[in-house]
N, C-alpha and C. Protein backbone atom coordinates (compact mmCIF):
# COMPACT_ATOMS: atom_id res chain seq x y z
N MET A 1 -20.98 16.97 -21.79
CA MET A 1 -21.55 16.26 -20.67
C MET A 1 -22.05 17.29 -19.67
N THR A 2 -23.27 17.12 -19.33
CA THR A 2 -23.86 18.03 -18.36
C THR A 2 -24.49 17.20 -17.26
N GLY A 3 -24.77 17.87 -16.21
CA GLY A 3 -25.44 17.20 -15.11
C GLY A 3 -24.45 16.49 -14.19
N ARG A 4 -24.96 15.48 -13.52
CA ARG A 4 -24.17 14.76 -12.52
C ARG A 4 -22.99 14.02 -13.13
N LEU A 5 -23.17 13.45 -14.32
CA LEU A 5 -22.09 12.72 -14.97
C LEU A 5 -20.92 13.65 -15.29
N GLY A 6 -21.20 14.83 -15.76
CA GLY A 6 -20.15 15.80 -16.06
C GLY A 6 -19.38 16.21 -14.82
N VAL A 7 -20.10 16.40 -13.71
CA VAL A 7 -19.44 16.76 -12.45
C VAL A 7 -18.55 15.62 -11.98
N LEU A 8 -19.04 14.40 -12.11
CA LEU A 8 -18.26 13.23 -11.70
C LEU A 8 -17.00 13.08 -12.55
N VAL A 9 -17.14 13.22 -13.86
CA VAL A 9 -15.98 13.09 -14.76
C VAL A 9 -14.97 14.18 -14.48
N ARG A 10 -15.42 15.40 -14.28
CA ARG A 10 -14.52 16.51 -14.00
C ARG A 10 -13.80 16.29 -12.67
N GLY A 11 -14.49 15.78 -11.66
CA GLY A 11 -13.86 15.51 -10.37
C GLY A 11 -12.80 14.42 -10.45
N VAL A 12 -13.09 13.37 -11.20
CA VAL A 12 -12.12 12.29 -11.37
C VAL A 12 -10.90 12.79 -12.12
N ARG A 13 -11.12 13.57 -13.16
CA ARG A 13 -10.00 14.10 -13.95
C ARG A 13 -9.13 15.02 -13.10
N GLN A 14 -9.73 15.88 -12.30
CA GLN A 14 -8.96 16.78 -11.46
C GLN A 14 -8.19 16.01 -10.40
N PHE A 15 -8.79 14.96 -9.84
CA PHE A 15 -8.11 14.17 -8.82
C PHE A 15 -6.91 13.45 -9.41
N SER A 16 -7.06 12.87 -10.60
CA SER A 16 -5.95 12.12 -11.19
C SER A 16 -4.79 13.04 -11.56
N THR A 17 -5.07 14.23 -12.06
CA THR A 17 -3.98 15.13 -12.40
C THR A 17 -3.30 15.66 -11.14
N THR A 18 -4.04 15.88 -10.07
CA THR A 18 -3.44 16.32 -8.83
C THR A 18 -2.56 15.23 -8.24
N THR A 19 -2.99 13.99 -8.33
CA THR A 19 -2.20 12.88 -7.83
C THR A 19 -0.90 12.74 -8.60
N LYS A 20 -0.96 12.87 -9.91
CA LYS A 20 0.26 12.80 -10.72
C LYS A 20 1.19 13.97 -10.41
N LEU A 21 0.60 15.13 -10.21
CA LEU A 21 1.40 16.32 -9.96
C LEU A 21 2.19 16.20 -8.66
N TYR A 22 1.60 15.65 -7.63
CA TYR A 22 2.25 15.56 -6.33
C TYR A 22 2.86 14.19 -6.06
N GLY A 23 3.15 13.42 -7.07
CA GLY A 23 3.88 12.18 -6.91
C GLY A 23 3.06 11.03 -6.40
N GLY A 24 1.79 11.01 -6.60
CA GLY A 24 0.97 9.88 -6.22
C GLY A 24 0.62 9.82 -4.75
N GLY A 25 0.96 10.82 -3.97
CA GLY A 25 0.60 10.83 -2.57
C GLY A 25 1.49 9.98 -1.68
N HIS A 26 2.68 9.60 -2.16
CA HIS A 26 3.60 8.78 -1.36
C HIS A 26 4.75 9.64 -0.88
N GLY A 27 4.65 10.20 0.30
CA GLY A 27 5.76 10.95 0.87
C GLY A 27 6.16 12.15 0.04
N ARG A 28 7.46 12.42 0.04
CA ARG A 28 7.97 13.57 -0.70
C ARG A 28 8.09 13.21 -2.18
N PRO A 29 7.58 14.04 -3.06
CA PRO A 29 7.68 13.72 -4.48
C PRO A 29 9.11 13.83 -4.98
N GLY A 30 9.52 12.89 -5.80
CA GLY A 30 10.84 12.94 -6.40
C GLY A 30 11.95 12.39 -5.55
N CYS A 31 11.67 11.89 -4.37
CA CYS A 31 12.69 11.34 -3.50
C CYS A 31 12.93 9.88 -3.87
N PRO A 32 14.15 9.49 -4.23
CA PRO A 32 14.41 8.11 -4.65
C PRO A 32 14.11 7.10 -3.55
N GLY A 33 13.40 6.05 -3.90
CA GLY A 33 13.11 4.98 -2.96
C GLY A 33 11.85 5.16 -2.14
N GLU A 34 11.13 6.24 -2.33
CA GLU A 34 9.92 6.49 -1.54
C GLU A 34 8.78 5.55 -1.91
N ASN A 35 8.77 5.01 -3.11
CA ASN A 35 7.66 4.17 -3.54
C ASN A 35 7.98 2.68 -3.42
N LEU A 36 9.08 2.31 -2.79
CA LEU A 36 9.42 0.90 -2.60
C LEU A 36 8.69 0.34 -1.39
N PRO A 37 8.33 -0.94 -1.40
CA PRO A 37 7.59 -1.52 -0.28
C PRO A 37 8.47 -1.96 0.89
N PHE A 38 9.75 -1.59 0.89
CA PHE A 38 10.62 -1.93 2.01
C PHE A 38 11.50 -0.74 2.33
N ASP A 39 12.09 -0.75 3.53
CA ASP A 39 12.86 0.38 4.02
C ASP A 39 14.30 0.29 3.52
N LEU A 40 14.79 1.36 2.90
CA LEU A 40 16.16 1.37 2.40
C LEU A 40 17.18 1.69 3.49
N ASN A 41 16.73 2.11 4.65
CA ASN A 41 17.63 2.45 5.74
C ASN A 41 17.92 1.26 6.65
N ALA A 42 17.46 0.07 6.27
CA ALA A 42 17.76 -1.13 7.05
C ALA A 42 19.23 -1.47 6.87
N GLY A 43 19.73 -2.40 7.68
CA GLY A 43 21.13 -2.83 7.56
C GLY A 43 21.39 -3.48 6.21
N LYS A 44 22.68 -3.57 5.85
CA LYS A 44 23.04 -4.11 4.55
C LYS A 44 22.58 -5.54 4.36
N VAL A 45 22.77 -6.37 5.38
CA VAL A 45 22.40 -7.79 5.26
C VAL A 45 20.89 -7.93 5.18
N LYS A 46 20.16 -7.20 6.03
CA LYS A 46 18.71 -7.28 6.02
C LYS A 46 18.15 -6.76 4.69
N LEU A 47 18.68 -5.66 4.19
CA LEU A 47 18.22 -5.11 2.92
C LEU A 47 18.51 -6.07 1.78
N THR A 48 19.68 -6.71 1.80
CA THR A 48 20.02 -7.68 0.77
C THR A 48 19.07 -8.86 0.78
N MET A 49 18.74 -9.37 1.95
CA MET A 49 17.82 -10.50 2.06
C MET A 49 16.41 -10.11 1.59
N ILE A 50 15.94 -8.94 1.99
CA ILE A 50 14.60 -8.49 1.61
C ILE A 50 14.52 -8.28 0.10
N MET A 51 15.55 -7.64 -0.48
CA MET A 51 15.52 -7.39 -1.92
C MET A 51 15.64 -8.69 -2.71
N THR A 52 16.45 -9.64 -2.22
CA THR A 52 16.56 -10.94 -2.88
C THR A 52 15.23 -11.66 -2.87
N LEU A 53 14.56 -11.66 -1.74
CA LEU A 53 13.24 -12.29 -1.65
C LEU A 53 12.22 -11.56 -2.52
N PHE A 54 12.20 -10.24 -2.46
CA PHE A 54 11.23 -9.43 -3.21
C PHE A 54 11.37 -9.64 -4.71
N PHE A 55 12.60 -9.50 -5.22
CA PHE A 55 12.81 -9.64 -6.66
C PHE A 55 12.88 -11.11 -7.08
N GLY A 56 13.33 -11.99 -6.20
CA GLY A 56 13.40 -13.41 -6.52
C GLY A 56 12.03 -14.03 -6.74
N VAL A 57 11.06 -13.62 -5.95
CA VAL A 57 9.70 -14.13 -6.14
C VAL A 57 9.15 -13.67 -7.48
N GLY A 58 9.34 -12.41 -7.81
CA GLY A 58 8.81 -11.88 -9.06
C GLY A 58 9.49 -12.45 -10.29
N LEU A 59 10.79 -12.67 -10.21
CA LEU A 59 11.51 -13.19 -11.36
C LEU A 59 11.49 -14.72 -11.42
N GLY A 60 11.29 -15.38 -10.28
CA GLY A 60 11.29 -16.84 -10.26
C GLY A 60 9.93 -17.46 -10.47
N ALA A 61 8.87 -16.72 -10.22
CA ALA A 61 7.52 -17.27 -10.34
C ALA A 61 7.20 -17.81 -11.74
N PRO A 62 7.53 -17.11 -12.81
CA PRO A 62 7.24 -17.68 -14.14
C PRO A 62 7.96 -19.00 -14.39
N TRP A 63 9.19 -19.12 -13.92
CA TRP A 63 9.94 -20.36 -14.11
C TRP A 63 9.30 -21.50 -13.33
N LEU A 64 8.85 -21.21 -12.13
CA LEU A 64 8.19 -22.25 -11.33
C LEU A 64 6.87 -22.68 -11.96
N VAL A 65 6.14 -21.75 -12.54
CA VAL A 65 4.88 -22.09 -13.20
C VAL A 65 5.14 -22.97 -14.41
N VAL A 66 6.17 -22.67 -15.19
CA VAL A 66 6.51 -23.49 -16.35
C VAL A 66 6.93 -24.87 -15.92
N MET A 67 7.77 -24.97 -14.90
CA MET A 67 8.19 -26.29 -14.40
C MET A 67 6.99 -27.09 -13.91
N TRP A 68 6.08 -26.45 -13.19
CA TRP A 68 4.89 -27.13 -12.69
C TRP A 68 4.02 -27.62 -13.82
N SER A 69 3.88 -26.82 -14.88
CA SER A 69 3.05 -27.23 -16.00
C SER A 69 3.68 -28.39 -16.77
N PHE A 70 5.02 -28.44 -16.87
CA PHE A 70 5.69 -29.57 -17.53
C PHE A 70 5.52 -30.85 -16.72
N ILE A 71 5.66 -30.74 -15.42
CA ILE A 71 5.52 -31.92 -14.55
C ILE A 71 4.07 -32.41 -14.57
N LYS A 72 3.13 -31.51 -14.54
CA LYS A 72 1.73 -31.86 -14.53
C LYS A 72 1.29 -32.49 -15.84
N GLY A 73 1.92 -32.12 -16.94
CA GLY A 73 1.54 -32.61 -18.26
C GLY A 73 1.90 -34.05 -18.52
N LYS A 74 2.75 -34.65 -17.70
CA LYS A 74 3.17 -36.05 -17.93
C LYS A 74 2.11 -37.04 -17.61
């Protein structure tokens, strides 16, 4: 590949490897919990409620979709 396309491909490849090397650009690389969408330093009760809501939506959504499809099918 030569020309502008080659320069573009090379730039994208270098950017992606740099991002992987430095942990995706999220804070300190390798620090546990840095890539979570909520703060781990919150109080125990608040963290428990946030994590229950966060994981409950993701794990409960398929069940709600199946229930909705069964009810709708009648």
